[in-house]
């Protein structure tokens, strides 16, 4: 026979679990109703909103808290023109029209920040002499942070248009050159060629009237298996 106290404890656990659960409206905003946008309303995105976006996404977990993502927000016509030669033809119009285009990049020498980010162990030594491991870790975790970036953007009411149709080498040459003196943007946080582009993401307030019907997704049994 179950003890009454046991039922009370179980009820409290269930209530605590539900209190941590995001509302259906929140899930719709982040996932079910969220779309990739290619057309944008004429509504600017403030610098403060971009700061809020980063201050949300930075809390997402990464390996040893390595946090390799580096983000360059292109907000001006000048910056967009410098990106233009690297874009695939099909991505030009929507990128030029977007209020902001973010270059989601990664620092291949992220481990130099680990004494600050992971102070309770000598995590820098895990990567400093193993460039292949460092590169894999940087690419994997910056992609993970890119997903946090989009979720944070949607949570703030922004729409996203992620893209991989561009020339990484051209982006890196233009924005993250090997010669720091050649960097016309004077990116003090990205001093040299240690930073490499991963993918692009347009940001703004999407025009819902320009959306095409949503494409299907794989069902659970097509993509998952329980062992």
N, C-alpha and C. Protein backbone atom coordinates (compact mmCIF):
# COMPACT_ATOMS: atom_id res chain seq x y z
N UNK A 1 0.85 -1.19 0.00
CA UNK A 1 0.00 0.00 0.00
C UNK A 1 0.89 1.25 0.00
N UNK A 2 0.59 2.16 -0.89
CA UNK A 2 1.37 3.39 -0.97
C UNK A 2 1.11 4.28 0.23
N UNK A 3 2.14 4.86 0.74
CA UNK A 3 1.99 5.76 1.87
C UNK A 3 1.45 7.11 1.40
N UNK A 4 0.55 7.74 2.17
CA UNK A 4 0.03 9.05 1.77
C UNK A 4 1.13 10.07 1.53
N UNK A 5 2.17 9.99 2.40
CA UNK A 5 3.28 10.92 2.21
C UNK A 5 3.97 10.74 0.88
N UNK A 6 4.04 9.49 0.42
CA UNK A 6 4.65 9.21 -0.87
C UNK A 6 3.89 9.85 -2.01
N UNK A 7 2.55 9.84 -1.91
CA UNK A 7 1.73 10.46 -2.95
C UNK A 7 1.94 11.98 -2.96
N UNK A 8 2.10 12.55 -1.79
CA UNK A 8 2.33 13.99 -1.71
C UNK A 8 3.65 14.36 -2.36
N UNK A 9 4.69 13.56 -2.07
CA UNK A 9 6.00 13.82 -2.66
C UNK A 9 5.94 13.72 -4.17
N UNK A 10 5.27 12.65 -4.67
CA UNK A 10 5.15 12.47 -6.11
C UNK A 10 4.40 13.63 -6.76
N UNK A 11 3.34 14.09 -6.07
CA UNK A 11 2.58 15.21 -6.60
C UNK A 11 3.43 16.47 -6.67
N UNK A 12 4.27 16.68 -5.65
CA UNK A 12 5.16 17.85 -5.64
C UNK A 12 6.17 17.78 -6.77
N UNK A 13 6.71 16.56 -7.00
CA UNK A 13 7.67 16.38 -8.09
C UNK A 13 7.03 16.69 -9.43
N UNK A 14 5.80 16.20 -9.63
CA UNK A 14 5.10 16.45 -10.89
C UNK A 14 4.84 17.94 -11.08
N UNK A 15 4.46 18.63 -10.00
CA UNK A 15 4.20 20.06 -10.11
C UNK A 15 5.49 20.82 -10.44
N UNK A 16 6.60 20.41 -9.83
CA UNK A 16 7.88 21.07 -10.11
C UNK A 16 8.30 20.83 -11.56
N UNK A 17 8.06 19.60 -12.04
CA UNK A 17 8.41 19.29 -13.43
C UNK A 17 7.61 20.14 -14.39
N UNK A 18 6.31 20.26 -14.15
CA UNK A 18 5.46 21.04 -15.04
C UNK A 18 5.82 22.52 -14.97
N UNK A 19 6.25 23.00 -13.80
CA UNK A 19 6.59 24.42 -13.68
C UNK A 19 7.83 24.76 -14.49
N UNK A 20 8.67 23.77 -14.78
CA UNK A 20 9.87 23.99 -15.58
C UNK A 20 9.59 23.84 -17.08
N UNK A 21 8.45 23.34 -17.42
CA UNK A 21 8.12 23.07 -18.82
C UNK A 21 7.70 24.37 -19.52
N UNK A 22 8.24 24.59 -20.68
CA UNK A 22 7.86 25.75 -21.48
C UNK A 22 6.42 25.60 -21.94
N UNK A 23 5.70 26.69 -22.01
CA UNK A 23 4.31 26.65 -22.46
C UNK A 23 4.24 26.22 -23.92
N UNK A 24 3.07 25.75 -24.33
CA UNK A 24 2.88 25.39 -25.73
C UNK A 24 3.10 26.59 -26.64
N UNK A 25 2.71 27.77 -26.16
CA UNK A 25 2.92 28.98 -26.95
C UNK A 25 4.41 29.25 -27.15
N UNK A 26 5.18 29.01 -26.10
CA UNK A 26 6.63 29.18 -26.22
C UNK A 26 7.24 28.18 -27.18
N UNK A 27 6.78 26.93 -27.13
CA UNK A 27 7.29 25.91 -28.05
C UNK A 27 6.93 26.25 -29.49
N UNK A 28 5.72 26.79 -29.68
CA UNK A 28 5.32 27.22 -31.02
C UNK A 28 6.25 28.31 -31.54
N UNK A 29 6.54 29.28 -30.67
CA UNK A 29 7.39 30.41 -31.06
C UNK A 29 8.78 29.95 -31.47
N UNK A 30 9.34 29.01 -30.71
CA UNK A 30 10.72 28.59 -30.95
C UNK A 30 10.84 27.54 -32.04
N UNK A 31 9.80 26.69 -32.20
CA UNK A 31 9.95 25.54 -33.09
C UNK A 31 8.78 25.37 -34.06
N UNK A 32 7.61 25.07 -33.56
CA UNK A 32 6.53 24.61 -34.45
C UNK A 32 6.06 25.67 -35.43
N UNK A 33 6.00 26.92 -34.99
CA UNK A 33 5.56 27.99 -35.89
C UNK A 33 6.72 28.78 -36.48
N UNK A 34 7.92 28.51 -36.03
CA UNK A 34 9.09 29.25 -36.53
C UNK A 34 9.43 28.80 -37.94
N UNK A 35 9.77 29.76 -38.79
CA UNK A 35 10.09 29.46 -40.18
C UNK A 35 11.41 30.12 -40.57
N UNK A 36 12.03 29.57 -41.61
CA UNK A 36 13.18 30.23 -42.21
C UNK A 36 12.66 31.31 -43.16
N UNK A 37 13.07 32.55 -42.93
CA UNK A 37 12.54 33.67 -43.70
C UNK A 37 13.53 34.12 -44.77
N UNK A 38 12.96 34.48 -45.92
CA UNK A 38 13.74 34.98 -47.05
C UNK A 38 13.34 36.39 -47.46
N UNK A 39 12.24 36.89 -46.89
CA UNK A 39 11.76 38.25 -47.19
C UNK A 39 11.54 38.95 -45.85
N UNK A 40 11.81 40.26 -45.85
CA UNK A 40 11.88 40.97 -44.58
C UNK A 40 11.04 42.23 -44.58
N UNK A 41 10.41 42.52 -43.45
CA UNK A 41 9.70 43.77 -43.27
C UNK A 41 10.72 44.90 -43.07
N UNK A 42 10.31 46.09 -43.41
CA UNK A 42 11.18 47.26 -43.27
C UNK A 42 11.15 47.73 -41.81
N UNK A 43 11.74 46.92 -40.95
CA UNK A 43 11.74 47.20 -39.52
C UNK A 43 13.13 46.90 -38.97
N UNK A 44 13.80 47.87 -38.42
CA UNK A 44 15.19 47.68 -37.99
C UNK A 44 15.29 46.79 -36.75
N UNK A 45 16.49 46.26 -36.56
CA UNK A 45 16.82 45.50 -35.35
C UNK A 45 17.83 46.34 -34.57
N UNK A 46 17.51 46.64 -33.35
CA UNK A 46 18.36 47.53 -32.56
C UNK A 46 19.63 46.82 -32.09
N UNK A 47 20.65 47.62 -31.83
CA UNK A 47 21.88 47.07 -31.26
C UNK A 47 21.60 46.44 -29.90
N UNK A 48 20.70 47.03 -29.15
CA UNK A 48 20.36 46.48 -27.83
C UNK A 48 19.76 45.09 -27.96
N UNK A 49 18.94 44.88 -28.98
CA UNK A 49 18.36 43.55 -29.20
C UNK A 49 19.45 42.54 -29.53
N UNK A 50 20.44 42.95 -30.31
CA UNK A 50 21.55 42.05 -30.64
C UNK A 50 22.36 41.71 -29.39
N UNK A 51 22.52 42.66 -28.52
CA UNK A 51 23.22 42.38 -27.26
C UNK A 51 22.41 41.42 -26.39
N UNK A 52 21.10 41.62 -26.36
CA UNK A 52 20.24 40.72 -25.60
C UNK A 52 20.30 39.31 -26.18
N UNK A 53 20.35 39.22 -27.49
CA UNK A 53 20.45 37.92 -28.15
C UNK A 53 21.70 37.18 -27.68
N UNK A 54 22.83 37.86 -27.74
CA UNK A 54 24.06 37.18 -27.31
C UNK A 54 24.02 36.83 -25.83
N UNK A 55 23.47 37.72 -25.02
CA UNK A 55 23.44 37.47 -23.58
C UNK A 55 22.52 36.30 -23.22
N UNK A 56 21.64 35.91 -24.11
CA UNK A 56 20.86 34.69 -23.94
C UNK A 56 21.62 33.47 -24.43
N UNK A 57 22.13 33.54 -25.65
CA UNK A 57 22.73 32.35 -26.27
C UNK A 57 23.99 31.90 -25.57
N UNK A 58 24.70 32.82 -24.91
CA UNK A 58 26.00 32.47 -24.31
C UNK A 58 25.87 31.45 -23.19
N UNK A 59 24.66 31.28 -22.64
CA UNK A 59 24.47 30.35 -21.54
C UNK A 59 24.28 28.92 -22.00
N UNK A 60 24.14 28.68 -23.28
CA UNK A 60 24.03 27.32 -23.78
C UNK A 60 25.31 26.54 -23.55
N UNK A 61 25.23 25.26 -23.22
CA UNK A 61 26.43 24.48 -22.89
C UNK A 61 27.31 24.19 -24.10
N UNK A 62 28.61 24.16 -23.85
CA UNK A 62 29.61 23.74 -24.83
C UNK A 62 30.64 22.87 -24.12
N UNK A 63 31.44 22.15 -24.88
CA UNK A 63 32.45 21.27 -24.31
C UNK A 63 33.42 22.07 -23.45
N UNK A 64 33.53 21.70 -22.18
CA UNK A 64 34.42 22.39 -21.24
C UNK A 64 34.17 23.90 -21.25
N UNK A 65 32.93 24.28 -21.54
CA UNK A 65 32.57 25.70 -21.58
C UNK A 65 33.47 26.48 -22.55
N UNK A 66 33.89 25.81 -23.63
CA UNK A 66 34.90 26.41 -24.52
C UNK A 66 34.40 27.62 -25.29
N UNK A 67 33.10 27.68 -25.57
CA UNK A 67 32.48 28.87 -26.17
C UNK A 67 33.27 29.42 -27.36
N UNK A 68 33.48 28.63 -28.41
CA UNK A 68 34.33 29.08 -29.52
C UNK A 68 33.65 30.03 -30.50
N UNK A 69 32.34 30.18 -30.44
CA UNK A 69 31.65 31.00 -31.43
C UNK A 69 32.05 32.46 -31.31
N UNK A 70 32.27 33.08 -32.45
CA UNK A 70 32.49 34.51 -32.55
C UNK A 70 31.50 35.03 -33.59
N UNK A 71 30.82 36.09 -33.29
CA UNK A 71 29.72 36.55 -34.14
C UNK A 71 29.99 37.97 -34.61
N UNK A 72 29.91 38.14 -35.90
CA UNK A 72 30.07 39.46 -36.51
C UNK A 72 28.72 39.86 -37.09
N UNK A 73 28.12 40.91 -36.54
CA UNK A 73 26.83 41.39 -37.01
C UNK A 73 27.05 42.46 -38.08
N UNK A 74 26.58 42.19 -39.28
CA UNK A 74 26.68 43.14 -40.39
C UNK A 74 25.37 43.92 -40.44
N UNK A 75 25.45 45.24 -40.15
CA UNK A 75 24.24 46.05 -40.03
C UNK A 75 24.18 47.17 -41.06
N UNK A 76 25.31 47.46 -41.70
CA UNK A 76 25.38 48.61 -42.60
C UNK A 76 25.48 48.17 -44.05
N UNK A 77 25.15 49.09 -44.95
CA UNK A 77 25.26 48.81 -46.38
C UNK A 77 26.71 48.51 -46.76
N UNK A 78 27.64 49.23 -46.15
CA UNK A 78 29.05 49.00 -46.43
C UNK A 78 29.46 47.57 -46.08
N UNK A 79 29.06 47.13 -44.91
CA UNK A 79 29.42 45.78 -44.47
C UNK A 79 28.79 44.73 -45.37
N UNK A 80 27.54 44.95 -45.77
CA UNK A 80 26.85 44.00 -46.64
C UNK A 80 27.54 43.92 -48.01
N UNK A 81 28.00 45.06 -48.52
CA UNK A 81 28.67 45.06 -49.81
C UNK A 81 29.95 44.25 -49.77
N UNK A 82 30.62 44.25 -48.65
CA UNK A 82 31.85 43.45 -48.53
C UNK A 82 31.53 41.96 -48.47
N UNK A 83 30.36 41.62 -48.01
CA UNK A 83 29.95 40.22 -47.98
C UNK A 83 29.47 39.74 -49.34
N UNK A 84 28.95 40.64 -50.14
CA UNK A 84 28.29 40.31 -51.40
C UNK A 84 29.08 39.36 -52.30
N UNK A 85 30.38 39.57 -52.55
CA UNK A 85 31.10 38.67 -53.47
C UNK A 85 31.18 37.23 -53.00
N UNK A 86 30.96 36.99 -51.73
CA UNK A 86 31.07 35.63 -51.20
C UNK A 86 29.76 34.87 -51.26
N UNK A 87 28.66 35.55 -51.56
CA UNK A 87 27.35 34.92 -51.51
C UNK A 87 27.03 34.14 -52.78
N UNK A 88 26.35 33.01 -52.60
CA UNK A 88 25.78 32.31 -53.75
C UNK A 88 24.70 33.20 -54.36
N UNK A 89 24.51 33.14 -55.69
CA UNK A 89 23.55 34.04 -56.33
C UNK A 89 22.16 34.02 -55.70
N UNK A 90 21.70 32.86 -55.31
CA UNK A 90 20.37 32.75 -54.73
C UNK A 90 20.22 33.36 -53.35
N UNK A 91 21.33 33.72 -52.74
CA UNK A 91 21.28 34.28 -51.39
C UNK A 91 21.53 35.79 -51.35
N UNK A 92 21.76 36.39 -52.52
CA UNK A 92 22.13 37.81 -52.56
C UNK A 92 20.96 38.70 -52.15
N UNK A 93 19.83 38.58 -52.83
CA UNK A 93 18.73 39.52 -52.62
C UNK A 93 18.24 39.50 -51.18
N UNK A 94 18.02 38.31 -50.63
CA UNK A 94 17.47 38.24 -49.27
C UNK A 94 18.48 38.72 -48.23
N UNK A 95 19.76 38.54 -48.51
CA UNK A 95 20.77 39.00 -47.56
C UNK A 95 20.91 40.51 -47.61
N UNK A 96 20.87 41.09 -48.79
CA UNK A 96 20.95 42.54 -48.90
C UNK A 96 19.73 43.21 -48.27
N UNK A 97 18.59 42.52 -48.28
CA UNK A 97 17.37 43.10 -47.74
C UNK A 97 17.23 42.91 -46.23
N UNK A 98 17.92 41.94 -45.67
CA UNK A 98 17.80 41.66 -44.24
C UNK A 98 18.36 42.81 -43.42
N UNK A 99 17.71 43.18 -42.33
CA UNK A 99 18.26 44.24 -41.47
C UNK A 99 19.65 43.92 -40.93
N UNK A 100 19.89 42.65 -40.62
CA UNK A 100 21.17 42.22 -40.06
C UNK A 100 21.54 40.88 -40.66
N UNK A 101 22.81 40.72 -40.98
CA UNK A 101 23.35 39.40 -41.33
C UNK A 101 24.45 39.08 -40.33
N UNK A 102 24.32 37.96 -39.67
CA UNK A 102 25.32 37.54 -38.69
C UNK A 102 26.24 36.50 -39.31
N UNK A 103 27.54 36.74 -39.20
CA UNK A 103 28.51 35.72 -39.55
C UNK A 103 28.78 34.92 -38.28
N UNK A 104 28.32 33.69 -38.26
CA UNK A 104 28.59 32.80 -37.13
C UNK A 104 29.94 32.15 -37.41
N UNK A 105 30.93 32.53 -36.65
CA UNK A 105 32.30 32.08 -36.87
C UNK A 105 32.80 31.36 -35.62
N UNK A 106 34.03 30.88 -35.71
CA UNK A 106 34.63 30.24 -34.53
C UNK A 106 36.10 30.62 -34.43
N UNK A 107 36.57 30.65 -33.21
CA UNK A 107 37.97 30.94 -32.93
C UNK A 107 38.71 29.62 -32.80
N UNK A 108 39.60 29.33 -33.75
CA UNK A 108 40.34 28.07 -33.73
C UNK A 108 41.27 27.98 -32.53
N UNK A 109 41.57 29.12 -31.93
CA UNK A 109 42.39 29.13 -30.71
C UNK A 109 41.55 29.53 -29.50
N UNK A 110 40.33 29.02 -29.49
CA UNK A 110 39.42 29.27 -28.37
C UNK A 110 40.03 28.92 -27.03
N UNK A 111 40.96 27.97 -27.05
CA UNK A 111 41.53 27.46 -25.80
C UNK A 111 42.32 28.52 -25.04
N UNK A 112 42.69 29.61 -25.71
CA UNK A 112 43.39 30.68 -25.01
C UNK A 112 42.47 31.37 -23.99
N UNK A 113 41.16 31.21 -24.16
CA UNK A 113 40.20 31.79 -23.20
C UNK A 113 39.80 30.81 -22.10
N UNK A 114 40.28 29.58 -22.17
CA UNK A 114 39.84 28.58 -21.19
C UNK A 114 40.28 28.86 -19.76
N UNK A 115 41.43 29.50 -19.52
CA UNK A 115 41.73 29.85 -18.12
C UNK A 115 40.63 30.69 -17.48
N UNK A 116 39.94 31.50 -18.26
CA UNK A 116 38.80 32.27 -17.74
C UNK A 116 37.53 31.42 -17.72
N UNK A 117 37.29 30.68 -18.80
CA UNK A 117 36.02 29.99 -18.96
C UNK A 117 35.93 28.67 -18.19
N UNK A 118 37.07 28.03 -17.94
CA UNK A 118 37.09 26.73 -17.27
C UNK A 118 38.22 26.72 -16.25
N UNK A 119 38.14 27.57 -15.22
CA UNK A 119 39.29 27.82 -14.34
C UNK A 119 39.63 26.69 -13.38
N UNK A 120 38.74 25.72 -13.21
CA UNK A 120 38.99 24.69 -12.21
C UNK A 120 39.82 23.53 -12.75
N UNK A 121 40.29 23.64 -13.98
CA UNK A 121 41.20 22.62 -14.54
C UNK A 121 42.06 23.29 -15.60
N UNK A 122 43.18 22.66 -15.93
CA UNK A 122 44.07 23.19 -16.97
C UNK A 122 43.56 22.75 -18.34
N UNK A 123 42.38 23.26 -18.71
CA UNK A 123 41.73 22.84 -19.94
C UNK A 123 42.49 23.31 -21.18
N UNK A 124 43.23 24.39 -21.07
CA UNK A 124 43.98 24.87 -22.23
C UNK A 124 44.92 23.80 -22.75
N UNK A 125 45.54 23.06 -21.86
CA UNK A 125 46.52 22.04 -22.27
C UNK A 125 45.88 20.89 -23.04
N UNK A 126 44.57 20.73 -22.91
CA UNK A 126 43.89 19.66 -23.64
C UNK A 126 43.88 19.92 -25.14
N UNK A 127 43.97 21.18 -25.53
CA UNK A 127 43.79 21.56 -26.94
C UNK A 127 45.00 22.26 -27.56
N UNK A 128 45.82 22.91 -26.76
CA UNK A 128 46.86 23.78 -27.30
C UNK A 128 47.84 23.06 -28.21
N UNK A 129 48.14 21.80 -27.90
CA UNK A 129 49.12 21.05 -28.70
C UNK A 129 48.47 20.00 -29.59
N UNK A 130 47.16 20.08 -29.73
CA UNK A 130 46.43 19.11 -30.58
C UNK A 130 45.51 19.89 -31.52
N UNK A 131 46.07 20.49 -32.58
CA UNK A 131 45.27 21.35 -33.45
C UNK A 131 44.09 20.64 -34.10
N UNK A 132 44.23 19.35 -34.40
CA UNK A 132 43.11 18.64 -35.01
C UNK A 132 41.93 18.56 -34.04
N UNK A 133 42.21 18.21 -32.79
CA UNK A 133 41.15 18.17 -31.78
C UNK A 133 40.57 19.56 -31.55
N UNK A 134 41.44 20.56 -31.51
CA UNK A 134 40.96 21.93 -31.31
C UNK A 134 40.04 22.36 -32.45
N UNK A 135 40.42 22.03 -33.69
CA UNK A 135 39.61 22.40 -34.84
C UNK A 135 38.25 21.72 -34.83
N UNK A 136 38.25 20.42 -34.54
CA UNK A 136 36.99 19.68 -34.47
C UNK A 136 36.10 20.24 -33.38
N UNK A 137 36.70 20.51 -32.23
CA UNK A 137 35.94 21.05 -31.11
C UNK A 137 35.36 22.42 -31.43
N UNK A 138 36.15 23.26 -32.08
CA UNK A 138 35.69 24.60 -32.43
C UNK A 138 34.53 24.56 -33.41
N UNK A 139 34.65 23.73 -34.44
CA UNK A 139 33.59 23.66 -35.45
C UNK A 139 32.31 23.07 -34.86
N UNK A 140 32.46 21.99 -34.11
CA UNK A 140 31.27 21.33 -33.55
C UNK A 140 30.54 22.26 -32.58
N UNK A 141 31.29 22.87 -31.68
CA UNK A 141 30.65 23.67 -30.65
C UNK A 141 30.17 25.02 -31.15
N UNK A 142 30.81 25.58 -32.17
CA UNK A 142 30.28 26.81 -32.75
C UNK A 142 28.98 26.54 -33.50
N UNK A 143 28.86 25.35 -34.09
CA UNK A 143 27.59 24.98 -34.72
C UNK A 143 26.50 24.85 -33.67
N UNK A 144 26.86 24.24 -32.54
CA UNK A 144 25.92 24.12 -31.43
C UNK A 144 25.50 25.51 -30.95
N UNK A 145 26.46 26.40 -30.81
CA UNK A 145 26.14 27.76 -30.39
C UNK A 145 25.31 28.50 -31.44
N UNK A 146 25.51 28.15 -32.70
CA UNK A 146 24.69 28.74 -33.75
C UNK A 146 23.22 28.37 -33.58
N UNK A 147 22.96 27.15 -33.12
CA UNK A 147 21.58 26.74 -32.85
C UNK A 147 21.02 27.53 -31.66
N UNK A 148 21.84 27.69 -30.62
CA UNK A 148 21.39 28.53 -29.50
C UNK A 148 21.09 29.95 -29.98
N UNK A 149 21.91 30.44 -30.89
CA UNK A 149 21.74 31.78 -31.44
C UNK A 149 20.35 31.93 -32.06
N UNK A 150 19.94 30.97 -32.85
CA UNK A 150 18.64 31.06 -33.52
C UNK A 150 17.49 30.93 -32.53
N UNK A 151 17.64 30.06 -31.54
CA UNK A 151 16.59 29.92 -30.54
C UNK A 151 16.46 31.21 -29.74
N UNK A 152 17.59 31.80 -29.36
CA UNK A 152 17.56 33.07 -28.62
C UNK A 152 16.93 34.17 -29.46
N UNK A 153 17.27 34.22 -30.75
CA UNK A 153 16.69 35.23 -31.63
C UNK A 153 15.17 35.09 -31.69
N UNK A 154 14.70 33.87 -31.85
CA UNK A 154 13.25 33.65 -31.90
C UNK A 154 12.59 34.00 -30.58
N UNK A 155 13.26 33.71 -29.47
CA UNK A 155 12.71 34.04 -28.16
C UNK A 155 12.53 35.54 -27.99
N UNK A 156 13.34 36.33 -28.69
CA UNK A 156 13.26 37.79 -28.64
C UNK A 156 12.33 38.36 -29.70
N UNK A 157 11.65 37.49 -30.44
CA UNK A 157 10.70 37.95 -31.44
C UNK A 157 11.28 38.16 -32.82
N UNK A 158 12.55 37.82 -33.01
CA UNK A 158 13.18 37.94 -34.32
C UNK A 158 12.92 36.70 -35.17
N UNK A 159 13.07 36.86 -36.46
CA UNK A 159 13.04 35.74 -37.39
C UNK A 159 14.44 35.51 -37.94
N UNK A 160 14.69 34.29 -38.38
CA UNK A 160 16.03 33.90 -38.82
C UNK A 160 16.00 33.36 -40.24
N UNK A 161 17.12 33.54 -40.93
CA UNK A 161 17.32 32.96 -42.25
C UNK A 161 18.72 32.40 -42.35
N UNK A 162 18.96 31.22 -41.75
CA UNK A 162 20.32 30.65 -41.79
C UNK A 162 20.70 30.20 -43.19
N UNK A 163 21.99 30.31 -43.52
CA UNK A 163 22.47 29.99 -44.86
C UNK A 163 23.85 29.36 -44.81
N UNK A 164 24.06 28.42 -45.71
CA UNK A 164 25.41 27.89 -45.93
C UNK A 164 25.86 28.10 -47.37
N UNK A 165 25.05 28.79 -48.15
CA UNK A 165 25.38 29.04 -49.56
C UNK A 165 26.28 30.26 -49.72
N UNK A 166 27.56 30.09 -49.38
CA UNK A 166 28.52 31.18 -49.53
C UNK A 166 29.92 30.58 -49.54
N UNK A 167 30.89 31.39 -49.91
CA UNK A 167 32.28 30.95 -49.99
C UNK A 167 32.98 31.31 -48.68
N UNK A 168 33.25 30.29 -47.88
CA UNK A 168 33.89 30.54 -46.58
C UNK A 168 35.24 31.24 -46.72
N UNK A 169 36.02 30.82 -47.72
CA UNK A 169 37.36 31.39 -47.89
C UNK A 169 37.28 32.88 -48.18
N UNK A 170 36.31 33.29 -49.00
CA UNK A 170 36.15 34.71 -49.31
C UNK A 170 35.71 35.50 -48.08
N UNK A 171 34.82 34.93 -47.30
CA UNK A 171 34.38 35.61 -46.08
C UNK A 171 35.55 35.78 -45.12
N UNK A 172 36.33 34.71 -44.96
CA UNK A 172 37.46 34.78 -44.04
C UNK A 172 38.51 35.78 -44.51
N UNK A 173 38.74 35.83 -45.81
CA UNK A 173 39.72 36.77 -46.35
C UNK A 173 39.28 38.21 -46.13
N UNK A 174 37.99 38.45 -46.27
CA UNK A 174 37.47 39.81 -46.17
C UNK A 174 37.34 40.29 -44.73
N UNK A 175 36.84 39.40 -43.87
CA UNK A 175 36.51 39.84 -42.52
C UNK A 175 37.50 39.38 -41.44
N UNK A 176 38.19 38.28 -41.69
CA UNK A 176 39.13 37.74 -40.70
C UNK A 176 40.48 37.47 -41.36
N UNK A 177 41.13 38.50 -41.91
CA UNK A 177 42.36 38.28 -42.69
C UNK A 177 43.53 37.87 -41.80
N UNK A 178 44.48 37.18 -42.43
CA UNK A 178 45.67 36.74 -41.70
C UNK A 178 46.47 37.93 -41.20
N UNK A 179 46.49 38.99 -41.98
CA UNK A 179 47.20 40.20 -41.59
C UNK A 179 46.21 41.13 -40.89
N UNK A 180 46.37 41.29 -39.60
CA UNK A 180 45.43 42.11 -38.84
C UNK A 180 45.36 43.54 -39.38
N UNK A 181 46.46 44.04 -39.95
CA UNK A 181 46.46 45.40 -40.48
C UNK A 181 45.57 45.53 -41.71
N UNK A 182 45.30 44.39 -42.36
CA UNK A 182 44.45 44.42 -43.55
C UNK A 182 42.97 44.41 -43.20
N UNK A 183 42.67 44.27 -41.93
CA UNK A 183 41.29 44.17 -41.50
C UNK A 183 40.68 45.57 -41.42
N UNK A 184 39.92 45.92 -42.44
CA UNK A 184 39.38 47.27 -42.52
C UNK A 184 38.36 47.55 -41.42
N UNK A 185 37.82 46.50 -40.82
CA UNK A 185 36.83 46.70 -39.76
C UNK A 185 37.48 46.86 -38.39
N UNK A 186 38.79 46.70 -38.32
CA UNK A 186 39.51 46.85 -37.05
C UNK A 186 38.82 46.07 -35.94
N UNK A 187 38.68 44.77 -36.17
CA UNK A 187 37.97 43.92 -35.23
C UNK A 187 38.90 43.53 -34.09
N UNK A 188 38.87 44.32 -33.04
CA UNK A 188 39.83 44.10 -31.96
C UNK A 188 39.62 42.76 -31.27
N UNK A 189 38.40 42.21 -31.35
CA UNK A 189 38.14 40.92 -30.72
C UNK A 189 38.54 39.75 -31.61
N UNK A 190 38.78 40.01 -32.89
CA UNK A 190 39.16 38.96 -33.84
C UNK A 190 40.49 39.38 -34.47
N UNK A 191 41.59 39.26 -33.77
CA UNK A 191 42.83 39.92 -34.20
C UNK A 191 43.53 39.29 -35.39
N UNK A 192 43.24 38.05 -35.73
CA UNK A 192 44.00 37.43 -36.81
C UNK A 192 43.22 36.28 -37.42
N UNK A 193 43.92 35.43 -38.15
CA UNK A 193 43.26 34.38 -38.91
C UNK A 193 42.82 33.20 -38.06
N UNK A 194 42.89 33.32 -36.75
CA UNK A 194 42.40 32.23 -35.91
C UNK A 194 40.89 32.07 -36.02
N UNK A 195 40.21 33.14 -36.44
CA UNK A 195 38.76 33.10 -36.57
C UNK A 195 38.38 32.69 -37.99
N UNK A 196 37.46 31.73 -38.08
CA UNK A 196 37.00 31.22 -39.37
C UNK A 196 35.47 31.21 -39.39
N UNK A 197 34.90 31.48 -40.55
CA UNK A 197 33.44 31.48 -40.68
C UNK A 197 32.89 30.07 -40.65
N UNK A 198 31.71 29.93 -40.07
CA UNK A 198 30.98 28.66 -40.06
C UNK A 198 29.76 28.77 -40.97
N UNK A 199 28.79 29.60 -40.59
CA UNK A 199 27.63 29.82 -41.46
C UNK A 199 27.11 31.23 -41.27
N UNK A 200 26.15 31.62 -42.09
CA UNK A 200 25.54 32.94 -42.03
C UNK A 200 24.10 32.81 -41.54
N UNK A 201 23.61 33.87 -40.91
CA UNK A 201 22.21 33.88 -40.50
C UNK A 201 21.66 35.29 -40.62
N UNK A 202 20.69 35.46 -41.52
CA UNK A 202 20.00 36.74 -41.62
C UNK A 202 19.04 36.88 -40.45
N UNK A 203 18.89 38.11 -39.99
CA UNK A 203 18.02 38.41 -38.85
C UNK A 203 17.12 39.59 -39.18
N UNK A 204 15.92 39.55 -38.64
CA UNK A 204 15.01 40.66 -38.80
C UNK A 204 13.61 40.23 -38.44
N UNK A 205 12.65 40.93 -39.01
CA UNK A 205 11.25 40.60 -38.82
C UNK A 205 10.72 40.16 -40.18
N UNK A 206 10.49 38.86 -40.30
CA UNK A 206 10.14 38.29 -41.58
C UNK A 206 8.76 38.68 -42.07
N UNK A 207 8.61 38.71 -43.38
CA UNK A 207 7.32 39.00 -44.01
C UNK A 207 6.56 37.69 -44.15
N UNK A 208 5.52 37.46 -43.33
CA UNK A 208 4.81 36.18 -43.39
C UNK A 208 4.09 35.96 -44.71
N UNK A 209 3.80 37.04 -45.41
CA UNK A 209 3.11 36.91 -46.69
C UNK A 209 3.96 36.31 -47.78
N UNK A 210 5.27 36.24 -47.57
CA UNK A 210 6.18 35.70 -48.57
C UNK A 210 6.62 34.27 -48.27
N UNK A 211 6.06 33.67 -47.24
CA UNK A 211 6.42 32.29 -46.90
C UNK A 211 5.74 31.31 -47.83
N UNK A 212 6.44 30.26 -48.22
CA UNK A 212 5.82 29.19 -48.99
C UNK A 212 5.40 28.09 -48.01
N UNK A 213 4.55 27.15 -48.46
CA UNK A 213 4.08 26.11 -47.54
C UNK A 213 5.24 25.39 -46.86
N UNK A 214 5.04 25.05 -45.62
CA UNK A 214 6.12 24.44 -44.83
C UNK A 214 6.42 23.04 -45.33
N UNK A 215 7.71 22.74 -45.43
CA UNK A 215 8.14 21.40 -45.85
C UNK A 215 7.98 20.42 -44.70
N UNK A 216 7.77 19.14 -45.01
CA UNK A 216 7.59 18.14 -43.95
C UNK A 216 8.89 17.85 -43.22
N UNK A 217 8.78 17.19 -42.09
CA UNK A 217 9.92 16.72 -41.32
C UNK A 217 9.80 15.21 -41.16
N UNK A 218 10.90 14.57 -40.83
CA UNK A 218 10.87 13.14 -40.58
C UNK A 218 10.10 12.84 -39.30
N UNK A 219 9.34 11.76 -39.31
CA UNK A 219 8.67 11.30 -38.10
C UNK A 219 9.67 10.66 -37.15
N UNK A 220 9.26 10.50 -35.90
CA UNK A 220 10.13 9.92 -34.88
C UNK A 220 10.71 8.60 -35.34
N UNK A 221 9.87 7.71 -35.86
CA UNK A 221 10.34 6.37 -36.23
C UNK A 221 11.26 6.38 -37.44
N UNK A 222 11.27 7.46 -38.20
CA UNK A 222 12.18 7.57 -39.33
C UNK A 222 13.56 8.07 -38.92
N UNK A 223 13.63 8.77 -37.80
CA UNK A 223 14.88 9.41 -37.41
C UNK A 223 15.44 8.92 -36.08
N UNK A 224 14.65 8.19 -35.32
CA UNK A 224 15.06 7.82 -33.96
C UNK A 224 14.83 6.34 -33.71
N UNK A 225 15.57 5.83 -32.76
CA UNK A 225 15.39 4.44 -32.32
C UNK A 225 15.66 4.37 -30.83
N UNK A 226 14.84 3.63 -30.13
CA UNK A 226 14.99 3.44 -28.69
C UNK A 226 15.68 2.12 -28.42
N UNK A 227 16.77 2.14 -27.70
CA UNK A 227 17.51 0.92 -27.36
C UNK A 227 17.31 0.59 -25.90
